[in-house]
C-alpha atoms as a PDB file:
ATOM      1  CA  MET A   1     -32.738  -7.692 -24.139  1.00  0.00           C
ATOM      2  CA  MET A   2     -36.203  -8.556 -22.787  1.00  0.00           C
ATOM      3  CA  LYS A   3     -37.893  -6.646 -25.636  1.00  0.00           C
ATOM      4  CA  ARG A   4     -35.828  -8.524 -28.178  1.00  0.00           C
ATOM      5  CA  TYR A   5     -36.782 -11.849 -26.555  1.00  0.00           C
ATOM      6  CA  LEU A   6     -40.491 -10.977 -26.537  1.00  0.00           C
ATOM      7  CA  TYR A   7     -40.296  -9.865 -30.158  1.00  0.00           C
ATOM      8  CA  PHE A   8     -38.643 -13.167 -31.084  1.00  0.00           C
ATOM      9  CA  MET A   9     -41.338 -15.212 -29.275  1.00  0.00           C
ATOM     10  CA  ILE A  10     -44.172 -13.255 -30.920  1.00  0.00           C
ATOM     11  CA  MET A  11     -42.665 -13.794 -34.362  1.00  0.00           C
ATOM     12  CA  LEU A  12     -42.202 -17.500 -33.645  1.00  0.00           C
ATOM     13  CA  MET A  13     -45.856 -17.873 -32.592  1.00  0.00           C
ATOM     14  CA  PHE A  14     -47.009 -15.931 -35.647  1.00  0.00           C
ATOM     15  CA  LEU A  15     -45.009 -18.103 -38.035  1.00  0.00           C
ATOM     16  CA  SER A  16     -46.236 -21.273 -36.328  1.00  0.00           C
ATOM     17  CA  PHE A  17     -49.863 -20.145 -36.625  1.00  0.00           C
ATOM     18  CA  PHE A  18     -49.405 -19.154 -40.256  1.00  0.00           C
ATOM     19  CA  SER A  19     -47.752 -22.485 -41.071  1.00  0.00           C
ATOM     20  CA  CYS A  20     -50.611 -24.494 -39.542  1.00  0.00           C
ATOM     21  CA  ASN A  21     -53.257 -22.536 -41.379  1.00  0.00           C
ATOM     22  CA  GLU A  22     -51.316 -22.799 -44.626  1.00  0.00           C
ATOM     23  CA  ASP A  23     -51.326 -26.599 -44.298  1.00  0.00           C
ATOM     24  CA  ASP A  24     -55.097 -26.576 -43.752  1.00  0.00           C
ATOM     25  CA  ILE A  25     -55.621 -24.428 -46.817  1.00  0.00           C
ATOM     26  CA  LYS A  26     -53.537 -26.755 -48.959  1.00  0.00           C
ATOM     27  CA  VAL A  27     -55.815 -29.649 -48.079  1.00  0.00           C
ATOM     28  CA  PHE A  28     -59.138 -27.803 -48.338  1.00  0.00           C
ATOM     29  CA  ASP A  29     -58.861 -24.903 -50.728  1.00  0.00           C
ATOM     30  CA  GLY A  30     -60.101 -23.968 -54.188  1.00  0.00           C
ATOM     31  CA  GLN A  31     -63.345 -25.003 -55.846  1.00  0.00           C
ATOM     32  CA  ALA A  32     -65.398 -27.785 -54.308  1.00  0.00           C
ATOM     33  CA  GLN A  33     -64.927 -30.915 -56.411  1.00  0.00           C
ATOM     34  CA  LEU A  34     -66.214 -34.473 -56.577  1.00  0.00           C
ATOM     35  CA  TYR A  35     -64.329 -37.412 -58.044  1.00  0.00           C
ATOM     36  CA  PHE A  36     -64.296 -41.188 -57.738  1.00  0.00           C
ATOM     37  CA  ASP A  37     -61.744 -42.872 -55.493  1.00  0.00           C
ATOM     38  CA  LYS A  38     -60.658 -45.308 -58.223  1.00  0.00           C
ATOM     39  CA  PHE A  39     -58.976 -44.312 -61.478  1.00  0.00           C
ATOM     40  CA  TYR A  40     -61.012 -45.357 -64.507  1.00  0.00           C
ATOM     41  CA  MET A  41     -57.931 -44.884 -66.696  1.00  0.00           C
ATOM     42  CA  ASN A  42     -54.213 -44.827 -65.948  1.00  0.00           C
ATOM     43  CA  ALA A  43     -53.147 -41.553 -64.369  1.00  0.00           C
ATOM     44  CA  LEU A  44     -51.622 -39.019 -66.756  1.00  0.00           C
ATOM     45  CA  GLN A  45     -49.826 -37.120 -63.980  1.00  0.00           C
ATOM     46  CA  PRO A  46     -47.745 -38.296 -62.211  1.00  0.00           C
ATOM     47  CA  GLY A  47     -48.538 -41.426 -64.178  1.00  0.00           C
ATOM     48  CA  THR A  48     -48.158 -44.124 -61.540  1.00  0.00           C
ATOM     49  CA  GLU A  49     -51.787 -44.867 -60.607  1.00  0.00           C
ATOM     50  CA  GLY A  50     -53.403 -47.615 -62.693  1.00  0.00           C
ATOM     51  CA  ALA A  51     -56.967 -47.987 -63.868  1.00  0.00           C
ATOM     52  CA  ASP A  52     -59.251 -50.053 -61.662  1.00  0.00           C
ATOM     53  CA  SER A  53     -62.819 -51.335 -61.916  1.00  0.00           C
ATOM     54  CA  THR A  54     -65.453 -52.300 -59.367  1.00  0.00           C
ATOM     55  CA  VAL A  55     -66.104 -55.975 -60.067  1.00  0.00           C
ATOM     56  CA  MET A  56     -69.299 -57.648 -58.857  1.00  0.00           C
ATOM     57  CA  SER A  57     -70.409 -61.239 -59.423  1.00  0.00           C
ATOM     58  CA  PHE A  58     -73.705 -62.974 -58.704  1.00  0.00           C
ATOM     59  CA  PHE A  59     -71.531 -66.051 -58.201  1.00  0.00           C
ATOM     60  CA  PHE A  60     -71.005 -65.161 -54.544  1.00  0.00           C
ATOM     61  CA  TYR A  61     -74.723 -64.777 -53.754  1.00  0.00           C
ATOM     62  CA  PRO A  62     -77.543 -67.323 -53.288  1.00  0.00           C
ATOM     63  CA  ASP A  63     -78.920 -68.790 -56.516  1.00  0.00           C
ATOM     64  CA  ASP A  64     -82.224 -66.904 -56.272  1.00  0.00           C
ATOM     65  CA  THR A  65     -80.518 -63.478 -56.046  1.00  0.00           C
ATOM     66  CA  LYS A  66     -81.791 -61.163 -58.782  1.00  0.00           C
ATOM     67  CA  THR A  67     -80.187 -57.849 -57.738  1.00  0.00           C
ATOM     68  CA  ILE A  68     -76.880 -56.973 -56.086  1.00  0.00           C
ATOM     69  CA  GLU A  69     -75.381 -53.611 -55.145  1.00  0.00           C
ATOM     70  CA  ALA A  70     -71.986 -52.299 -56.184  1.00  0.00           C
ATOM     71  CA  GLU A  71     -70.480 -49.930 -53.623  1.00  0.00           C
ATOM     72  CA  VAL A  72     -68.569 -47.081 -55.252  1.00  0.00           C
ATOM     73  CA  VAL A  73     -66.483 -44.604 -53.240  1.00  0.00           C
ATOM     74  CA  VAL A  74     -66.700 -40.889 -54.101  1.00  0.00           C
ATOM     75  CA  ASN A  75     -64.170 -38.301 -52.854  1.00  0.00           C
ATOM     76  CA  TYR A  76     -64.620 -34.608 -52.108  1.00  0.00           C
ATOM     77  CA  SER A  77     -62.077 -31.799 -52.064  1.00  0.00           C
ATOM     78  CA  GLY A  78     -62.655 -28.153 -51.154  1.00  0.00           C
ATOM     79  CA  LEU A  79     -63.584 -26.247 -48.033  1.00  0.00           C
ATOM     80  CA  PRO A  80     -65.078 -28.308 -45.184  1.00  0.00           C
ATOM     81  CA  LEU A  81     -68.662 -29.262 -46.000  1.00  0.00           C
ATOM     82  CA  THR A  82     -71.554 -27.582 -44.204  1.00  0.00           C
ATOM     83  CA  ALA A  83     -74.336 -29.243 -46.227  1.00  0.00           C
ATOM     84  CA  ASP A  84     -74.948 -32.382 -48.268  1.00  0.00           C
ATOM     85  CA  ILE A  85     -74.051 -32.289 -51.965  1.00  0.00           C
ATOM     86  CA  PRO A  86     -76.591 -33.746 -54.418  1.00  0.00           C
ATOM     87  CA  PHE A  87     -75.304 -35.168 -57.696  1.00  0.00           C
ATOM     88  CA  THR A  88     -76.308 -37.588 -60.434  1.00  0.00           C
ATOM     89  CA  LEU A  89     -74.650 -40.156 -62.659  1.00  0.00           C
ATOM     90  CA  LYS A  90     -74.871 -40.436 -66.413  1.00  0.00           C
ATOM     91  CA  VAL A  91     -74.136 -43.539 -68.445  1.00  0.00           C
ATOM     92  CA  ILE A  92     -71.355 -43.279 -71.015  1.00  0.00           C
ATOM     93  CA  GLY A  93     -72.606 -45.199 -74.038  1.00  0.00           C
ATOM     94  CA  GLU A  94     -69.154 -45.728 -75.476  1.00  0.00           C
ATOM     95  CA  GLY A  95     -67.660 -48.499 -73.408  1.00  0.00           C
ATOM     96  CA  THR A  96     -70.921 -49.633 -71.742  1.00  0.00           C
ATOM     97  CA  THR A  97     -71.957 -53.161 -72.707  1.00  0.00           C
ATOM     98  CA  ALA A  98     -74.692 -53.596 -70.073  1.00  0.00           C
ATOM     99  CA  ASN A  99     -78.292 -53.386 -71.249  1.00  0.00           C
ATOM    100  CA  GLU A 100     -80.644 -50.932 -69.529  1.00  0.00           C
ATOM    101  CA  ASP A 101     -82.431 -53.757 -67.682  1.00  0.00           C
ATOM    102  CA  GLU A 102     -79.140 -54.926 -66.160  1.00  0.00           C
ATOM    103  CA  TYR A 103     -78.642 -51.903 -63.902  1.00  0.00           C
ATOM    104  CA  ASP A 104     -80.583 -49.197 -62.049  1.00  0.00           C
ATOM    105  CA  LEU A 105     -79.309 -45.705 -61.282  1.00  0.00           C
ATOM    106  CA  ASP A 106     -80.949 -43.466 -58.693  1.00  0.00           C
ATOM    107  CA  ASP A 107     -82.458 -40.210 -59.908  1.00  0.00           C
ATOM    108  CA  GLN A 108     -80.144 -38.482 -57.461  1.00  0.00           C
ATOM    109  CA  TYR A 109     -77.283 -39.398 -55.145  1.00  0.00           C
ATOM    110  CA  VAL A 110     -76.047 -37.527 -52.084  1.00  0.00           C
ATOM    111  CA  PHE A 111     -72.546 -36.864 -50.787  1.00  0.00           C
ATOM    112  CA  HIS A 112     -73.183 -36.471 -47.062  1.00  0.00           C
ATOM    113  CA  ALA A 113     -71.550 -33.686 -45.069  1.00  0.00           C
ATOM    114  CA  ARG A 114     -69.760 -34.920 -41.974  1.00  0.00           C
ATOM    115  CA  PRO A 115     -67.265 -33.508 -39.476  1.00  0.00           C
ATOM    116  CA  LEU A 116     -63.618 -33.756 -40.414  1.00  0.00           C
ATOM    117  CA  LEU A 117     -61.720 -36.005 -38.021  1.00  0.00           C
ATOM    118  CA  GLU A 118     -58.368 -34.961 -36.634  1.00  0.00           C
ATOM    119  CA  GLY A 119     -55.608 -35.819 -39.090  1.00  0.00           C
ATOM    120  CA  GLN A 120     -58.057 -36.625 -41.899  1.00  0.00           C
ATOM    121  CA  LEU A 121     -56.837 -35.434 -45.294  1.00  0.00           C
ATOM    122  CA  ASP A 122     -59.825 -36.272 -47.469  1.00  0.00           C
ATOM    123  CA  ILE A 123     -63.581 -36.742 -47.272  1.00  0.00           C
ATOM    124  CA  GLN A 124     -65.270 -39.807 -48.736  1.00  0.00           C
ATOM    125  CA  ASP A 125     -68.752 -41.171 -49.131  1.00  0.00           C
ATOM    126  CA  THR A 126     -70.083 -44.398 -50.653  1.00  0.00           C
ATOM    127  CA  ILE A 127     -72.932 -44.763 -53.121  1.00  0.00           C
ATOM    128  CA  LYS A 128     -74.631 -47.961 -54.271  1.00  0.00           C
ATOM    129  CA  ILE A 129     -75.452 -48.893 -57.839  1.00  0.00           C
ATOM    130  CA  ARG A 130     -77.923 -51.742 -58.382  1.00  0.00           C
ATOM    131  CA  LEU A 131     -77.022 -54.506 -60.823  1.00  0.00           C
ATOM    132  CA  ASN A 132     -79.717 -56.843 -62.143  1.00  0.00           C
ATOM    133  CA  LEU A 133     -79.359 -60.445 -63.241  1.00  0.00           C
ATOM    134  CA  SER A 134     -80.428 -61.252 -66.782  1.00  0.00           C
ATOM    135  CA  GLU A 135     -80.634 -64.507 -68.706  1.00  0.00           C
ATOM    136  CA  ARG A 136     -77.915 -63.434 -71.116  1.00  0.00           C
ATOM    137  CA  LEU A 137     -75.585 -62.530 -68.236  1.00  0.00           C
ATOM    138  CA  LYS A 138     -75.703 -66.154 -67.073  1.00  0.00           C
ATOM    139  CA  LYS A 139     -74.128 -67.185 -70.375  1.00  0.00           C
ATOM    140  CA  MET A 140     -71.404 -64.541 -70.550  1.00  0.00           C
ATOM    141  CA  GLU A 141     -67.955 -65.498 -69.269  1.00  0.00           C
ATOM    142  CA  LYS A 142     -66.660 -61.914 -69.173  1.00  0.00           C
ATOM    143  CA  GLY A 143     -69.847 -60.281 -67.871  1.00  0.00           C
ATOM    144  CA  VAL A 144     -70.975 -56.782 -68.849  1.00  0.00           C
ATOM    145  CA  ARG A 145     -69.568 -53.328 -68.218  1.00  0.00           C
ATOM    146  CA  LEU A 146     -71.300 -50.190 -66.959  1.00  0.00           C
ATOM    147  CA  PHE A 147     -69.467 -46.916 -67.564  1.00  0.00           C
ATOM    148  CA  VAL A 148     -70.728 -43.906 -65.567  1.00  0.00           C
ATOM    149  CA  GLU A 149     -69.679 -40.291 -65.073  1.00  0.00           C
ATOM    150  CA  LEU A 150     -70.277 -37.893 -62.185  1.00  0.00           C
ATOM    151  CA  VAL A 151     -72.649 -34.990 -62.837  1.00  0.00           C
ATOM    152  CA  PRO A 152     -72.355 -32.563 -59.881  1.00  0.00           C
ATOM    153  CA  GLY A 153     -74.853 -29.843 -59.107  1.00  0.00           C
ATOM    154  CA  GLU A 154     -74.398 -26.085 -59.393  1.00  0.00           C
ATOM    155  CA  GLY A 155     -71.283 -24.724 -57.711  1.00  0.00           C
ATOM    156  CA  ILE A 156     -69.544 -28.111 -57.604  1.00  0.00           C
ATOM    157  CA  GLY A 157     -66.821 -29.078 -60.053  1.00  0.00           C
ATOM    158  CA  LEU A 158     -65.258 -32.328 -61.168  1.00  0.00           C
ATOM    159  CA  GLY A 159     -61.894 -33.403 -59.820  1.00  0.00           C
ATOM    160  CA  GLN A 160     -58.993 -35.199 -61.474  1.00  0.00           C
ATOM    161  CA  TYR A 161     -59.863 -36.149 -65.054  1.00  0.00           C
ATOM    162  CA  GLU A 162     -58.878 -39.804 -64.638  1.00  0.00           C
ATOM    163  CA  ARG A 163     -61.290 -40.126 -61.703  1.00  0.00           C
ATOM    164  CA  ARG A 164     -64.429 -38.480 -63.103  1.00  0.00           C
ATOM    165  CA  ARG A 165     -65.760 -41.770 -64.394  1.00  0.00           C
ATOM    166  CA  ALA A 166     -66.162 -45.239 -62.945  1.00  0.00           C
ATOM    167  CA  VAL A 167     -66.281 -48.714 -64.441  1.00  0.00           C
ATOM    168  CA  ILE A 168     -68.537 -51.351 -62.869  1.00  0.00           C
ATOM    169  CA  ILE A 169     -68.339 -54.917 -64.135  1.00  0.00           C
ATOM    170  CA  SER A 170     -71.245 -57.283 -63.492  1.00  0.00           C
ATOM    171  CA  SER A 171     -70.912 -61.017 -64.080  1.00  0.00           C
ATOM    172  CA  TYR A 172     -72.500 -64.325 -63.214  1.00  0.00           C
ATOM    173  CA  VAL A 173     -69.284 -66.286 -62.886  1.00  0.00           C
ATOM    174  CA  ALA A 174     -66.146 -65.949 -60.797  1.00  0.00           C
ATOM    175  CA  GLU A 175     -62.611 -65.595 -62.025  1.00  0.00           C
ATOM    176  CA  ARG A 176     -60.459 -68.649 -61.471  1.00  0.00           C
ATOM    177  CA  PRO A 177     -58.612 -67.960 -58.186  1.00  0.00           C
ATOM    178  CA  ASP A 178     -54.837 -67.673 -58.399  1.00  0.00           C
ATOM    179  CA  TRP A 179     -54.359 -70.692 -56.167  1.00  0.00           C
ATOM    180  CA  TRP A 180     -56.357 -72.960 -58.545  1.00  0.00           C
ATOM    181  CA  LYS A 181     -54.011 -72.768 -61.513  1.00  0.00           C
ATOM    182  CA  GLU A 182     -54.415 -74.922 -64.584  1.00  0.00           C
ATOM    183  CA  ASN A 183     -52.149 -77.974 -64.195  1.00  0.00           C
ATOM    184  CA  GLY A 184     -51.162 -76.656 -60.770  1.00  0.00           C
ATOM    185  CA  GLU A 185     -50.990 -78.482 -57.440  1.00  0.00           C
ATOM    186  CA  VAL A 186     -54.643 -77.901 -56.535  1.00  0.00           C
ATOM    187  CA  GLU A 187     -55.871 -79.148 -59.906  1.00  0.00           C
ATOM    188  CA  LEU A 188     -53.583 -82.185 -59.989  1.00  0.00           C
ATOM    189  CA  THR A 189     -53.796 -83.344 -56.365  1.00  0.00           C
ATOM    190  CA  LEU A 190     -56.808 -81.748 -54.654  1.00  0.00           C
ATOM    191  CA  LEU A 191     -59.877 -80.361 -56.423  1.00  0.00           C
ATOM    192  CA  GLY A 192     -59.328 -81.410 -60.022  1.00  0.00           C
ATOM    193  CA  LYS A 193     -60.395 -79.377 -63.063  1.00  0.00           C
ATOM    194  CA  PHE A 194     -61.776 -75.914 -62.370  1.00  0.00           C
ATOM    195  CA  SER A 195     -65.353 -74.972 -63.163  1.00  0.00           C
ATOM    196  CA  ASN A 196     -67.491 -72.145 -61.851  1.00  0.00           C
ATOM    197  CA  THR A 197     -70.133 -74.546 -60.566  1.00  0.00           C
ATOM    198  CA  LYS A 198     -67.566 -76.628 -58.688  1.00  0.00           C
ATOM    199  CA  TYR A 199     -65.994 -73.516 -57.196  1.00  0.00           C
ATOM    200  CA  LYS A 200     -69.391 -72.189 -56.094  1.00  0.00           C
ATOM    201  CA  LEU A 201     -70.313 -75.498 -54.423  1.00  0.00           C
ATOM    202  CA  PHE A 202     -66.882 -75.709 -52.782  1.00  0.00           C
ATOM    203  CA  VAL A 203     -67.305 -72.221 -51.295  1.00  0.00           C
ATOM    204  CA  GLU A 204     -70.887 -72.833 -50.173  1.00  0.00           C
ATOM    205  CA  HIS A 205     -70.386 -76.253 -48.587  1.00  0.00           C
ATOM    206  CA  ALA A 206     -66.723 -76.448 -47.569  1.00  0.00           C
ATOM    207  CA  ASP A 207     -65.120 -73.001 -47.403  1.00  0.00           C
ATOM    208  CA  PRO A 208     -67.769 -70.282 -46.869  1.00  0.00           C
ATOM    209  CA  GLY A 209     -65.125 -67.977 -45.407  1.00  0.00           C
ATOM    210  CA  MET A 210     -63.069 -68.362 -48.599  1.00  0.00           C
ATOM    211  CA  THR A 211     -59.970 -69.128 -46.533  1.00  0.00           C
ATOM    212  CA  MET A 212     -58.284 -71.283 -49.159  1.00  0.00           C
ATOM    213  CA  ASP A 213     -55.348 -69.384 -50.669  1.00  0.00           C
ATOM    214  CA  GLU A 214     -51.761 -69.898 -51.802  1.00  0.00           C
ATOM    215  CA  LYS A 215     -50.396 -69.287 -48.314  1.00  0.00           C
ATOM    216  CA  MET A 216     -52.593 -72.016 -46.812  1.00  0.00           C
ATOM    217  CA  ILE A 217     -51.637 -74.464 -49.548  1.00  0.00           C
ATOM    218  CA  GLU A 218     -47.918 -73.803 -49.034  1.00  0.00           C
ATOM    219  CA  GLU A 219     -47.752 -73.440 -45.248  1.00  0.00           C
ATOM    220  CA  ARG A 220     -50.746 -75.461 -43.995  1.00  0.00           C
ATOM    221  CA  PRO A 221     -51.494 -78.145 -46.593  1.00  0.00           C
ATOM    222  CA  ASP A 222     -53.298 -80.113 -43.881  1.00  0.00           C
ATOM    223  CA  LEU A 223     -55.955 -77.378 -43.689  1.00  0.00           C
ATOM    224  CA  ALA A 224     -56.306 -77.289 -47.466  1.00  0.00           C
ATOM    225  CA  ILE A 225     -56.701 -81.075 -47.576  1.00  0.00           C
ATOM    226  CA  GLY A 226     -59.262 -80.860 -44.781  1.00  0.00           C
ATOM    227  CA  LEU A 227     -61.404 -78.432 -46.801  1.00  0.00           C
ATOM    228  CA  VAL A 228     -61.282 -80.666 -49.865  1.00  0.00           C
ATOM    229  CA  LEU A 229     -62.206 -83.738 -47.805  1.00  0.00           C
ATOM    230  CA  LYS A 230     -65.140 -81.792 -46.351  1.00  0.00           C
ATOM    231  CA  PHE A 231     -66.265 -80.964 -49.880  1.00  0.00           C
ATOM    232  CA  LYS A 232     -65.839 -84.598 -50.907  1.00  0.00           C
ATOM    233  CA  GLU A 233     -68.093 -85.677 -48.039  1.00  0.00           C
ATOM    234  CA  TRP A 234     -70.764 -83.266 -49.249  1.00  0.00           C
ATOM    235  CA  LEU A 235     -70.489 -84.595 -52.827  1.00  0.00           C
ATOM    236  CA  ILE A 236     -70.899 -88.171 -51.556  1.00  0.00           C
ATOM    237  CA  ALA A 237     -73.974 -87.131 -49.576  1.00  0.00           C
ATOM    238  CA  ASN A 238     -75.351 -85.249 -52.587  1.00  0.00           C
ATOM    239  CA  PRO A 239     -74.551 -87.400 -55.645  1.00  0.00           C
ATOM    240  CA  GLY A 240     -75.203 -86.410 -59.234  1.00  0.00           C
ATOM    241  CA  GLN A 241     -73.754 -82.886 -59.096  1.00  0.00           C
ATOM    242  CA  LYS A 242     -72.964 -81.520 -62.575  1.00  0.00           C
ATOM    243  CA  ASP A 243     -70.909 -78.527 -63.635  1.00  0.00           C
ATOM    244  CA  GLU A 244     -71.944 -75.958 -66.254  1.00  0.00           C
ATOM    245  CA  TYR A 245     -70.586 -78.223 -68.978  1.00  0.00           C
ATOM    246  CA  GLY A 246     -72.609 -81.244 -67.899  1.00  0.00           C
ATOM    247  CA  ASN A 247     -69.660 -83.102 -66.366  1.00  0.00           C
ATOM    248  CA  ASP A 248     -69.791 -84.894 -63.015  1.00  0.00           C
ATOM    249  CA  ILE A 249     -68.278 -82.834 -60.204  1.00  0.00           C
ATOM    250  CA  THR A 250     -65.505 -84.799 -58.509  1.00  0.00           C
ATOM    251  CA  VAL A 251     -62.301 -84.179 -56.581  1.00  0.00           C
ATOM    252  CA  VAL A 252     -58.904 -85.878 -56.875  1.00  0.00           C
ATOM    253  CA  ILE A 253     -58.526 -86.978 -53.228  1.00  0.00           C
END
């Protein structure tokens, strides 16, 4: 009876050990691969992940800013890393609308090796791509697009097809926020007609934390009104403000 019990316990421990190691292998097995965190095109399999771009705008930086950095997340799969992985990026001409003077790529990037934390299922690193302001960018409502692809070094492969490339959009303007809808409450009763210049001045001088949103407007209209009144005070103290169309910047309140 005792022998049968011991045999049962040994088998149980063996199966438990095998199961744990099998889980580890599932997470970190096969060829080492690099791939971007975002999908540059809709996923083919299983087909639920949608394409996404890294969007950067000079709008949110001081007026004298000439260069900004887009942070792009890169993922790694394979056995746990013991050394850094060098790689490069190449520009995909088809789909890229940015001129060569509107971006800078490093000669080489590095995916840094780091210890795997308990419970961690993937390894990520972040690279930075420099975007440069140009005179033509100031006049473009949609901005420009940079389309890049990972080029790993020897012994490193590329991961999921839909994540081998990345799209970075650089612009000088900001998209109209959802809470500032055309003919909506904010336009009709608070800030008036939207313009990029008005929005930039509102953020800089009344709402630097960009706290204004639909929830505030619906649940705390007093706070929203307070921000607009603060902006109005600044406009009164700084008369003659014009938007990008040459119109006087005013508010409804």
